[in-house]
Amino acid sequence: LHDDEILSQVTNDGLQLLLDITTKCMHIPFRTPNHFFRVRPCISSELFALTGDSSTSDGISILQGFHLSLNLCLQLKNVSPDLPVRLTKLYCILYCRTSFQINFQSGEENKGQMQLDCQDWGADDMVDLNEKLLQYVTGCTETTQGMRDGDNTGDCEVVDACVCFEPNERGQGFSNCVLDVSAFPVGSYRIKWHSCCMDDKGSYWSLLPLNAGPVFTVRKSSVFG
């Protein structure tokens, strides 16, 4: 019985010592951040495009052998009114190649802007365009520029352009660009796009696209017989 009392006392003393050590460890001032991660609100955008030639009313079209001039409107969506930062710049990249040629079904010929479809927009496309756009923005280049890339198998022509917008109080930005599609064959093509914005603290925000890119049609010119 005496041995049992000694064993019980040793056990209680040991547990009390362990509790004291744990309590003191909890009061050690570790240098930890206030938060390990921060979830930002998801802001999305819509892109609207019209041809620079206001004399045509049959959608976006261009004669074969000419450049495509576009007037653009980028509209922010789902922007919280209590957003802790101010969005100062909007950017958008337009990207098209000859393999983006599409065939309209009956009754869709004049639908230059259609709802975004999962088949029209792959994850790889979004990642690649976001990477190009990030390089453009961080390169401190604010002039619209078009570039060609012949590395895509099966595409004789690839064009893209980066555009900068100044957002107004409604979250709208207006700008224009020119795409060199002079070598594109006759047909209709989908322009893929992605957008981003910069806030007043210099942070980069990738915007979720809500609609599919504009469609333009290359029409046969008498110059090409």
Protein backbone atom coordinates (compact mmCIF):
# COMPACT_ATOMS: atom_id res chain seq x y z
CA LEU A 1 0.00 0.00 0.00
CA HIS A 2 2.85 2.35 0.85
CA ASP A 3 4.47 1.69 -2.56
CA ASP A 4 1.18 2.47 -4.32
CA GLU A 5 0.96 5.83 -2.55
CA ILE A 6 4.53 6.70 -3.56
CA LEU A 7 3.82 5.73 -7.21
CA SER A 8 0.65 7.82 -7.24
CA GLN A 9 2.47 10.83 -5.78
CA VAL A 10 5.29 10.54 -8.34
CA THR A 11 2.74 10.32 -11.16
CA ASN A 12 0.86 13.41 -9.94
CA ASP A 13 4.07 15.37 -9.50
CA GLY A 14 5.21 14.38 -12.98
CA LEU A 15 1.94 15.46 -14.56
CA GLN A 16 2.04 18.76 -12.69
CA LEU A 17 5.61 19.38 -13.87
CA LEU A 18 4.62 18.61 -17.48
CA LEU A 19 1.65 20.99 -17.20
CA ASP A 20 3.89 23.76 -15.84
CA ILE A 21 6.38 23.29 -18.68
CA THR A 22 3.60 23.35 -21.30
CA THR A 23 2.07 26.49 -19.79
CA LYS A 24 5.41 28.32 -19.80
CA CYS A 25 6.08 27.27 -23.41
CA MET A 26 2.76 28.76 -24.47
CA HIS A 27 3.87 32.14 -23.12
CA ILE A 28 7.12 32.22 -25.12
CA PRO A 29 6.86 35.21 -27.56
CA PHE A 30 7.30 33.52 -30.97
CA ARG A 31 7.62 35.86 -33.97
CA THR A 32 4.65 34.67 -36.02
CA PRO A 33 2.74 36.57 -38.76
CA ASN A 34 -0.71 37.94 -38.09
CA HIS A 35 -2.07 35.67 -40.81
CA PHE A 36 -0.55 32.92 -42.92
CA PHE A 37 -2.58 33.66 -46.05
CA ARG A 38 -5.19 36.11 -47.21
CA VAL A 39 -8.04 35.30 -49.58
CA ARG A 40 -8.74 38.15 -51.99
CA PRO A 41 -12.20 38.67 -53.48
CA CYS A 42 -12.66 37.23 -56.97
CA ILE A 43 -13.13 40.03 -59.50
CA SER A 44 -14.26 39.20 -63.03
CA SER A 45 -14.53 41.12 -66.28
CA GLU A 46 -16.28 41.27 -69.63
CA LEU A 47 -14.77 42.37 -72.92
CA PHE A 48 -16.75 44.08 -75.67
CA ALA A 49 -15.33 44.89 -79.09
CA LEU A 50 -16.48 46.81 -82.13
CA THR A 51 -14.73 47.37 -85.40
CA GLY A 52 -12.97 50.67 -85.84
CA ASP A 53 -14.92 51.15 -89.07
CA SER A 54 -18.25 52.53 -87.87
CA SER A 55 -19.70 52.41 -91.38
CA THR A 56 -20.36 48.64 -91.17
CA SER A 57 -23.24 47.16 -89.18
CA ASP A 58 -22.84 43.45 -89.99
CA GLY A 59 -20.54 42.56 -87.10
CA ILE A 60 -16.76 42.65 -87.03
CA SER A 61 -15.38 42.03 -90.50
CA ILE A 62 -12.34 42.97 -92.54
CA LEU A 63 -11.27 42.56 -96.13
CA GLN A 64 -8.53 40.03 -96.71
CA GLY A 65 -5.10 41.62 -96.65
CA PHE A 66 -5.98 44.42 -94.22
CA HIS A 67 -5.37 45.09 -90.53
CA LEU A 68 -8.18 44.72 -87.99
CA SER A 69 -8.87 47.85 -85.94
CA LEU A 70 -10.91 47.31 -82.76
CA ASN A 71 -12.54 49.65 -80.26
CA LEU A 72 -12.56 47.90 -76.88
CA CYS A 73 -14.50 48.22 -73.64
CA LEU A 74 -13.41 46.26 -70.56
CA GLN A 75 -16.06 46.09 -67.82
CA LEU A 76 -15.21 45.01 -64.27
CA LYS A 77 -17.71 42.75 -62.50
CA ASN A 78 -18.24 41.62 -58.89
CA VAL A 79 -16.18 44.46 -57.42
CA SER A 80 -16.99 44.80 -53.72
CA PRO A 81 -17.87 48.37 -52.66
CA ASP A 82 -15.70 47.97 -49.54
CA LEU A 83 -12.63 46.79 -51.44
CA PRO A 84 -9.64 47.93 -49.32
CA VAL A 85 -7.62 48.99 -52.37
CA ARG A 86 -8.24 51.16 -55.43
CA LEU A 87 -7.88 49.62 -58.89
CA THR A 88 -5.78 52.01 -60.96
CA LYS A 89 -4.99 50.24 -64.25
CA LEU A 90 -6.68 47.60 -66.39
CA TYR A 91 -4.84 45.46 -68.92
CA CYS A 92 -6.03 43.01 -71.54
CA ILE A 93 -4.31 40.66 -73.97
CA LEU A 94 -5.94 39.64 -77.26
CA TYR A 95 -4.69 36.50 -78.96
CA CYS A 96 -5.65 34.86 -82.24
CA ARG A 97 -4.18 32.38 -84.69
CA THR A 98 -5.36 30.73 -87.87
CA SER A 99 -6.34 27.51 -86.07
CA PHE A 100 -9.00 29.49 -84.17
CA GLN A 101 -11.18 29.49 -87.28
CA ILE A 102 -14.77 28.60 -86.44
CA ASN A 103 -17.84 27.46 -88.34
CA PHE A 104 -21.08 29.10 -87.26
CA GLN A 105 -24.19 27.02 -86.93
CA SER A 106 -27.43 28.23 -88.45
CA GLY A 107 -28.58 31.53 -86.99
CA GLU A 108 -25.27 32.36 -85.31
CA GLU A 109 -23.60 34.33 -88.09
CA ASN A 110 -24.04 37.71 -86.43
CA LYS A 111 -23.28 36.72 -82.84
CA GLY A 112 -19.92 38.39 -82.47
CA GLN A 113 -20.15 38.17 -78.67
CA MET A 114 -21.38 34.89 -77.19
CA GLN A 115 -21.51 33.49 -73.67
CA LEU A 116 -18.28 31.88 -72.56
CA ASP A 117 -18.31 28.13 -73.17
CA CYS A 118 -16.06 25.62 -71.41
CA GLN A 119 -15.06 24.25 -74.80
CA ASP A 120 -14.02 27.72 -75.98
CA TRP A 121 -11.75 28.38 -73.02
CA GLY A 122 -9.22 25.87 -71.75
CA ALA A 123 -7.21 26.11 -68.55
CA ASP A 124 -3.97 26.01 -70.53
CA ASP A 125 -5.08 28.99 -72.63
CA MET A 126 -5.90 31.02 -69.53
CA VAL A 127 -2.59 30.18 -67.85
CA ASP A 128 -0.55 31.01 -70.96
CA LEU A 129 -2.33 34.31 -71.58
CA ASN A 130 -2.06 35.30 -67.93
CA GLU A 131 1.68 34.61 -68.03
CA LYS A 132 2.12 36.75 -71.15
CA LEU A 133 0.03 39.51 -69.64
CA LEU A 134 2.01 39.43 -66.39
CA GLN A 135 5.26 39.76 -68.35
CA TYR A 136 3.81 42.71 -70.25
CA VAL A 137 2.61 44.51 -67.10
CA THR A 138 5.76 43.93 -65.08
CA GLY A 139 7.84 45.02 -68.07
CA CYS A 140 6.54 48.56 -67.53
CA THR A 141 5.45 48.82 -71.17
CA GLU A 142 2.30 50.88 -71.58
CA THR A 143 2.06 51.13 -75.35
CA THR A 144 -0.17 48.82 -77.32
CA GLN A 145 1.90 46.39 -79.31
CA GLY A 146 1.25 43.43 -81.57
CA MET A 147 3.53 40.42 -81.77
CA ARG A 148 3.85 37.42 -84.01
CA ASP A 149 4.86 33.97 -82.94
CA GLY A 150 5.48 31.22 -85.46
CA ASP A 151 6.16 28.43 -82.96
CA ASN A 152 2.62 27.03 -83.04
CA THR A 153 2.44 23.95 -85.21
CA GLY A 154 -0.14 24.21 -87.97
CA ASP A 155 -0.50 27.99 -87.66
CA CYS A 156 0.99 30.13 -90.39
CA GLU A 157 -0.04 33.31 -88.55
CA VAL A 158 -0.28 34.17 -84.86
CA VAL A 159 -1.13 37.66 -83.62
CA ASP A 160 -1.59 39.16 -80.18
CA ALA A 161 -1.78 42.59 -78.62
CA CYS A 162 -1.69 43.98 -75.09
CA VAL A 163 -3.89 46.96 -74.27
CA CYS A 164 -3.97 49.33 -71.29
CA PHE A 165 -7.19 50.90 -69.95
CA GLU A 166 -7.95 53.70 -67.50
CA PRO A 167 -10.93 52.58 -65.35
CA ASN A 168 -13.67 55.08 -64.61
CA GLU A 169 -15.97 55.22 -61.57
CA ARG A 170 -18.20 52.54 -63.13
CA GLY A 171 -15.33 50.10 -63.53
CA GLN A 172 -15.20 50.59 -67.29
CA GLY A 173 -12.13 51.11 -69.42
CA PHE A 174 -12.00 52.10 -73.09
CA SER A 175 -9.16 51.66 -75.52
CA ASN A 176 -8.34 50.45 -79.02
CA CYS A 177 -5.85 48.22 -80.78
CA VAL A 178 -4.86 46.99 -84.22
CA LEU A 179 -4.27 43.32 -85.07
CA ASP A 180 -2.24 42.44 -88.14
CA VAL A 181 -4.47 39.74 -89.63
CA SER A 182 -3.52 40.62 -93.20
CA ALA A 183 -2.23 37.08 -93.86
CA PHE A 184 -5.31 35.30 -92.43
CA PRO A 185 -7.32 33.29 -95.00
CA VAL A 186 -10.99 34.01 -95.65
CA GLY A 187 -13.14 32.81 -92.75
CA SER A 188 -14.33 33.62 -89.22
CA TYR A 189 -12.00 33.54 -86.23
CA ARG A 190 -12.41 33.69 -82.46
CA ILE A 191 -10.13 36.06 -80.53
CA LYS A 192 -9.17 34.72 -77.12
CA TRP A 193 -8.47 37.18 -74.34
CA HIS A 194 -7.51 37.58 -70.71
CA SER A 195 -7.41 40.62 -68.45
CA CYS A 196 -5.88 41.84 -65.22
CA CYS A 197 -5.67 44.97 -63.12
CA MET A 198 -3.22 46.71 -60.82
CA ASP A 199 -4.18 48.34 -57.53
CA ASP A 200 -2.75 51.41 -55.82
CA LYS A 201 -0.41 49.20 -53.77
CA GLY A 202 1.19 47.67 -56.85
CA SER A 203 -0.50 44.27 -56.57
CA TYR A 204 -1.44 42.26 -59.66
CA TRP A 205 -5.01 40.93 -59.93
CA SER A 206 -5.90 38.31 -62.53
CA LEU A 207 -9.52 38.78 -63.64
CA LEU A 208 -11.89 35.92 -64.42
CA PRO A 209 -13.34 36.31 -67.96
CA LEU A 210 -17.13 36.06 -68.11
CA ASN A 211 -17.70 36.11 -71.86
CA ALA A 212 -16.09 34.60 -74.91
CA GLY A 213 -13.81 36.66 -77.09
CA PRO A 214 -15.08 38.57 -80.12
CA VAL A 215 -15.40 36.93 -83.52
CA PHE A 216 -14.22 38.62 -86.69
CA THR A 217 -14.68 37.61 -90.31
CA VAL A 218 -12.11 37.94 -93.07
CA ARG A 219 -13.96 38.60 -96.32
CA LYS A 220 -12.62 37.99 -99.79
CA SER A 221 -11.15 41.03 -101.45
CA SER A 222 -11.16 41.66 -105.18
CA VAL A 223 -7.43 42.36 -104.90
CA PHE A 224 -6.88 38.65 -104.25
CA GLY A 225 -8.96 37.61 -107.21
